Amino acid sequence: MSACQDYIFTLTTQQLLGHPDVELICKMLPNLTKLEITYGVKKIGMKYDRMLFGMKISDANCLAKCILDSENLTTLALQSNLIDDDLLRMLMTGLIKNSKITHLDLAHNKITNHGIRLLSKLLGASSVLTSLNLADNQIHAEGGRYLGRALRANESLIELNLRLNRLVDEGGRMLLEGFSNTCTITYLTLSGNSLAKESSAALIRILEGGNLPIRTLDLSCNEFTDEDIESMGQALDTNKVLMSMDLRMNSTSSEDLAVHDKIRKILHRNELSLTTNYF
């Protein structure tokens, strides 16, 4: 590794059995821009051992130092590492002082509302994060409130993925109410969060305004009713930006209703319009 250190920009380990000194590895790779680590083993079968999986305290401390000292690291992906709020707190000692990381992926971990309260500090007015993936964690309604509050001042985030959490309707509403006129989010995924009427009302205000740049919106596997979908369709009449909207697997009587056709036509119109303007 040391022989070609000047030419390594991406380090990806999707199964890491040991727990090496990541801080030392990062120092050996001064040009590293993307770091993706998963502590565990694939296809273990009946030889499962809990100790083989997940990040340890020592790993979190090493990573925090690596994040703090790295001058070029812009992408950090730590999926499926059993990261809980305590481990996240250790990682935050490095993340909070880093002004280079723009893509942060913490999907498939065990982060709860307390961890989200810490993470929200990365989304302030001086934030440089453009992509945040928190899919499949343990974020409840209070976590939605923390994120919504942080997004009011954020002007950098483009992609936010909260798929498969536990926001429920109240959390979805508080999150969406945080979308201000300065919000830059273009890709938003809220699939599988038990969102319903309150979230629908907050979302309709966003869609009606048409001032936000949301182009892709995933609302699948929630609890929106026919009435909610119809109201969204009406809100889209004046929207010129949204190009993709996933409404599958909601509490609707049928996916072949006229309102779905109307929504598809509006999205197609917007896509054609934006594509034409782009070229």
Protein backbone atom coordinates (compact mmCIF):
# COMPACT_ATOMS: atom_id res chain seq x y z
CA MET A 1 0.00 0.00 0.00
CA SER A 2 2.83 2.40 0.86
CA ALA A 3 4.43 1.78 -2.55
CA CYS A 4 1.42 3.22 -4.40
CA GLN A 5 0.09 5.59 -1.75
CA ASP A 6 0.20 8.62 -4.04
CA TYR A 7 -2.18 6.94 -6.47
CA ILE A 8 -4.86 5.60 -4.09
CA PHE A 9 -7.92 7.84 -3.85
CA THR A 10 -10.63 5.34 -2.83
CA LEU A 11 -10.49 2.64 -0.16
CA THR A 12 -13.45 0.22 0.03
CA THR A 13 -13.65 -2.77 2.39
CA GLN A 14 -17.10 -4.37 2.47
CA GLN A 15 -16.05 -7.07 4.89
CA LEU A 16 -13.32 -6.40 7.44
CA LEU A 17 -12.63 -9.25 9.86
CA GLY A 18 -9.96 -7.48 11.89
CA HIS A 19 -9.87 -4.05 13.48
CA PRO A 20 -6.79 -2.34 12.06
CA ASP A 21 -5.59 1.13 12.95
CA VAL A 22 -7.59 3.14 10.43
CA GLU A 23 -5.86 6.33 11.52
CA LEU A 24 -2.52 4.85 10.46
CA ILE A 25 -3.99 3.68 7.14
CA CYS A 26 -5.30 7.17 6.42
CA LYS A 27 -1.90 8.68 7.17
CA MET A 28 -0.35 6.23 4.70
CA LEU A 29 -2.83 7.39 2.03
CA PRO A 30 -2.56 11.21 1.94
CA ASN A 31 -4.64 11.52 -1.25
CA LEU A 32 -7.58 9.43 -0.01
CA THR A 33 -10.89 11.07 -0.93
CA LYS A 34 -13.36 8.22 -0.32
CA LEU A 35 -13.36 5.80 2.61
CA GLU A 36 -15.92 2.99 2.80
CA ILE A 37 -15.66 0.46 5.63
CA THR A 38 -17.94 -2.34 6.89
CA TYR A 39 -16.73 -4.41 9.84
CA GLY A 40 -18.04 -7.94 9.38
CA VAL A 41 -17.97 -11.01 7.16
CA LYS A 42 -20.19 -12.19 4.30
CA LYS A 43 -21.67 -15.69 3.91
CA ILE A 44 -20.71 -16.74 7.43
CA GLY A 45 -23.46 -19.38 7.63
CA MET A 46 -23.64 -21.38 10.87
CA LYS A 47 -20.30 -20.02 12.12
CA TYR A 48 -21.89 -16.75 13.18
CA ASP A 49 -20.04 -14.88 15.90
CA ARG A 50 -21.41 -11.56 17.14
CA MET A 51 -17.89 -10.26 17.84
CA LEU A 52 -17.05 -10.40 14.13
CA PHE A 53 -19.61 -7.73 13.31
CA GLY A 54 -19.79 -4.04 13.95
CA MET A 55 -17.54 -1.21 14.92
CA LYS A 56 -15.79 -1.20 18.29
CA ILE A 57 -14.92 1.74 20.53
CA SER A 58 -11.30 1.63 19.39
CA ASP A 59 -12.43 1.72 15.75
CA ALA A 60 -14.58 4.78 16.36
CA ASN A 61 -11.70 6.59 18.08
CA CYS A 62 -9.31 5.78 15.22
CA LEU A 63 -11.82 6.89 12.61
CA ALA A 64 -12.52 10.14 14.46
CA LYS A 65 -8.79 10.97 14.41
CA CYS A 66 -8.58 9.99 10.76
CA ILE A 67 -11.52 12.26 9.89
CA LEU A 68 -10.00 15.11 11.87
CA ASP A 69 -6.54 14.85 10.30
CA SER A 70 -7.52 14.02 6.73
CA GLU A 71 -7.10 16.89 4.28
CA ASN A 72 -8.70 15.34 1.20
CA LEU A 73 -11.43 12.99 2.48
CA THR A 74 -14.80 14.01 1.01
CA THR A 75 -16.84 10.78 1.16
CA LEU A 76 -17.30 8.61 4.27
CA ALA A 77 -19.48 5.48 4.10
CA LEU A 78 -19.96 3.38 7.26
CA GLN A 79 -22.92 1.16 6.40
CA SER A 80 -23.93 -1.86 8.51
CA ASN A 81 -21.48 -1.28 11.36
CA LEU A 82 -23.92 -1.45 14.31
CA ILE A 83 -23.14 2.20 15.04
CA ASP A 84 -25.22 3.37 18.00
CA ASP A 85 -25.45 6.79 19.62
CA ASP A 86 -22.36 6.24 21.79
CA LEU A 87 -20.17 5.27 18.83
CA LEU A 88 -21.60 8.15 16.82
CA ARG A 89 -20.69 10.54 19.64
CA MET A 90 -17.06 9.44 19.29
CA LEU A 91 -17.16 9.85 15.50
CA MET A 92 -18.63 13.33 15.91
CA THR A 93 -15.44 14.54 17.62
CA GLY A 94 -13.86 14.31 14.18
CA LEU A 95 -16.87 15.09 12.00
CA ILE A 96 -17.78 18.31 13.77
CA LYS A 97 -14.34 19.78 13.04
CA ASN A 98 -14.09 18.52 9.46
CA SER A 99 -14.95 20.96 6.69
CA LYS A 100 -14.22 18.68 3.72
CA ILE A 101 -16.64 15.72 3.95
CA THR A 102 -19.59 16.29 1.63
CA HIS A 103 -21.03 12.74 1.45
CA LEU A 104 -21.87 10.93 4.69
CA ASP A 105 -23.44 7.45 4.60
CA LEU A 106 -24.55 5.91 7.92
CA ALA A 107 -27.27 3.61 6.60
CA HIS A 108 -28.21 0.30 8.25
CA ASN A 109 -27.01 1.16 11.75
CA LYS A 110 -28.63 1.72 15.17
CA ILE A 111 -28.74 5.51 15.41
CA THR A 112 -31.67 6.88 17.44
CA ASN A 113 -33.02 10.35 18.21
CA HIS A 114 -30.09 11.16 20.51
CA GLY A 115 -27.66 10.44 17.70
CA ILE A 116 -29.69 12.56 15.28
CA ARG A 117 -29.50 15.45 17.72
CA LEU A 118 -25.72 15.22 17.46
CA LEU A 119 -25.73 14.79 13.68
CA SER A 120 -27.97 17.80 13.20
CA LYS A 121 -25.01 19.97 14.23
CA LEU A 122 -23.47 19.09 10.86
CA LEU A 123 -26.42 20.68 9.04
CA GLY A 124 -26.11 24.27 10.26
CA ALA A 125 -25.57 27.40 8.21
CA SER A 126 -21.87 26.57 7.69
CA SER A 127 -22.54 22.97 6.58
CA VAL A 128 -20.73 21.52 3.55
CA LEU A 129 -22.68 18.23 3.48
CA THR A 130 -24.42 17.63 0.17
CA SER A 131 -25.51 14.00 0.72
CA LEU A 132 -26.72 12.36 3.95
CA ASN A 133 -27.87 8.74 4.03
CA LEU A 134 -29.56 7.62 7.27
CA ALA A 135 -31.66 4.80 5.82
CA ASP A 136 -32.63 1.89 8.08
CA ASN A 137 -31.80 3.35 11.47
CA GLN A 138 -34.00 3.90 14.55
CA ILE A 139 -35.06 7.51 14.06
CA HIS A 140 -38.43 8.39 15.61
CA ALA A 141 -40.57 11.53 15.63
CA GLU A 142 -38.21 13.50 17.85
CA GLY A 143 -35.40 12.82 15.40
CA GLY A 144 -37.57 14.31 12.65
CA ARG A 145 -37.91 17.45 14.76
CA TYR A 146 -34.14 17.76 15.20
CA LEU A 147 -33.54 17.35 11.48
CA GLY A 148 -36.31 19.78 10.55
CA ARG A 149 -34.93 22.40 12.90
CA ALA A 150 -31.41 21.99 11.43
CA LEU A 151 -32.66 22.20 7.83
CA ARG A 152 -34.13 25.67 8.41
CA ALA A 153 -30.61 27.13 8.22
CA ASN A 154 -29.06 24.62 5.83
CA GLU A 155 -28.12 25.68 2.30
CA SER A 156 -25.87 22.81 1.20
CA LEU A 157 -27.75 19.48 1.44
CA ILE A 158 -28.88 18.09 -1.91
CA GLU A 159 -29.71 14.46 -1.08
CA LEU A 160 -31.43 13.17 2.08
CA ASN A 161 -32.34 9.51 2.56
CA LEU A 162 -34.45 8.54 5.60
CA ARG A 163 -35.91 5.33 4.21
CA LEU A 164 -36.98 2.60 6.68
CA ASN A 165 -37.00 4.63 9.88
CA ARG A 166 -39.77 5.28 12.39
CA LEU A 167 -40.60 8.94 11.87
CA VAL A 168 -44.37 8.28 11.91
CA ASP A 169 -46.76 11.04 10.86
CA GLU A 170 -45.74 13.57 13.51
CA GLY A 171 -42.04 13.21 12.76
CA GLY A 172 -42.62 13.50 9.03
CA ARG A 173 -44.60 16.71 9.55
CA MET A 174 -41.90 18.29 11.75
CA LEU A 175 -39.19 17.31 9.26
CA LEU A 176 -41.03 18.75 6.27
CA GLU A 177 -41.92 21.94 8.14
CA GLY A 178 -38.19 22.60 8.36
CA PHE A 179 -37.90 22.98 4.59
CA SER A 180 -37.36 26.72 4.18
CA ASN A 181 -37.11 28.81 1.03
CA THR A 182 -33.33 28.42 1.14
CA CYS A 183 -33.54 24.60 1.18
CA THR A 184 -31.48 22.98 -1.61
CA ILE A 185 -32.65 19.36 -1.26
CA THR A 186 -33.21 17.82 -4.69
CA TYR A 187 -33.52 14.11 -3.82
CA LEU A 188 -35.68 13.16 -0.82
CA THR A 189 -36.48 9.60 0.28
CA LEU A 190 -39.05 9.06 3.06
CA SER A 191 -40.13 5.54 2.15
CA GLY A 192 -41.34 3.23 4.92
CA ASN A 193 -41.88 5.74 7.73
CA SER A 194 -45.63 5.41 8.43
CA LEU A 195 -46.30 8.93 7.14
CA ALA A 196 -49.95 9.96 6.82
CA LYS A 197 -52.26 12.99 6.83
CA GLU A 198 -50.13 15.48 8.81
CA SER A 199 -47.08 14.77 6.66
CA SER A 200 -49.24 15.05 3.55
CA ALA A 201 -50.42 18.53 4.57
CA ALA A 202 -46.84 19.71 5.17
CA LEU A 203 -45.72 18.23 1.87
CA ILE A 204 -48.58 19.86 -0.04
CA ARG A 205 -47.43 23.29 1.16
CA ILE A 206 -43.98 22.52 -0.24
CA LEU A 207 -45.32 21.28 -3.58
CA GLU A 208 -47.76 24.19 -3.98
CA GLY A 209 -45.06 26.77 -3.39
CA GLY A 210 -42.89 25.36 -6.16
CA ASN A 211 -39.94 27.33 -4.76
CA LEU A 212 -37.96 24.30 -3.60
CA PRO A 213 -35.77 22.31 -6.03
CA ILE A 214 -37.07 18.82 -5.13
CA ARG A 215 -36.94 16.74 -8.30
CA THR A 216 -37.11 13.18 -6.94
CA LEU A 217 -39.45 12.24 -4.09
CA ASP A 218 -39.94 8.71 -2.70
CA LEU A 219 -43.06 8.34 -0.53
CA SER A 220 -43.62 4.62 -1.07
CA CYS A 221 -44.66 2.20 1.69
CA ASN A 222 -46.36 4.79 3.89
CA GLU A 223 -49.96 5.32 4.97
CA PHE A 224 -51.22 8.01 2.60
CA THR A 225 -54.87 7.60 1.63
CA ASP A 226 -56.71 8.31 -1.61
CA GLU A 227 -57.63 11.72 -0.24
CA ASP A 228 -53.98 12.52 0.55
CA ILE A 229 -52.85 11.46 -2.92
CA GLU A 230 -55.59 13.51 -4.56
CA SER A 231 -54.55 16.61 -2.58
CA MET A 232 -50.93 16.06 -3.66
CA GLY A 233 -52.09 15.84 -7.27
CA GLN A 234 -53.88 19.17 -6.96
CA ALA A 235 -50.79 20.75 -5.38
CA LEU A 236 -48.68 19.60 -8.33
CA ASP A 237 -50.76 21.62 -10.81
CA THR A 238 -48.48 24.64 -10.30
CA ASN A 239 -45.27 22.71 -9.63
CA LYS A 240 -42.70 22.92 -12.43
CA VAL A 241 -39.77 21.12 -10.76
CA LEU A 242 -40.74 17.64 -9.49
CA MET A 243 -39.91 14.93 -12.05
CA SER A 244 -40.21 11.66 -10.09
CA MET A 245 -42.63 10.69 -7.32
CA ASP A 246 -42.96 7.15 -5.96
CA LEU A 247 -46.36 6.53 -4.32
CA ARG A 248 -46.45 2.74 -4.43
CA MET A 249 -47.61 0.61 -1.48
CA ASN A 250 -49.66 3.23 0.33
CA SER A 251 -53.15 2.93 1.88
CA THR A 252 -54.94 3.62 -1.39
CA SER A 253 -57.77 1.58 -2.84
CA SER A 254 -56.14 1.30 -6.24
CA GLU A 255 -52.99 2.41 -8.02
CA ASP A 256 -54.88 2.90 -11.29
CA LEU A 257 -56.96 5.85 -10.11
CA ALA A 258 -57.26 8.88 -12.34
CA VAL A 259 -55.25 10.95 -9.89
CA HIS A 260 -52.23 8.69 -10.41
CA ASP A 261 -52.49 9.20 -14.16
CA LYS A 262 -52.74 12.94 -13.59
CA ILE A 263 -49.63 12.92 -11.41
CA ARG A 264 -47.69 10.87 -13.96
CA LYS A 265 -48.60 13.33 -16.72
CA ILE A 266 -47.52 16.32 -14.63
CA LEU A 267 -44.21 14.67 -13.76
CA HIS A 268 -43.63 13.79 -17.41
CA ARG A 269 -44.41 17.37 -18.41
CA ASN A 270 -41.92 18.71 -15.89
CA GLU A 271 -39.26 16.25 -16.98
CA LEU A 272 -39.64 17.22 -20.63
CA SER A 273 -39.62 20.91 -19.78
CA LEU A 274 -36.52 20.74 -17.58
CA THR A 275 -34.67 18.49 -20.02
CA THR A 276 -35.43 20.83 -22.91
CA ASN A 277 -34.28 23.86 -20.92
CA TYR A 278 -31.12 22.03 -19.90
CA PHE A 279 -30.07 21.40 -23.49
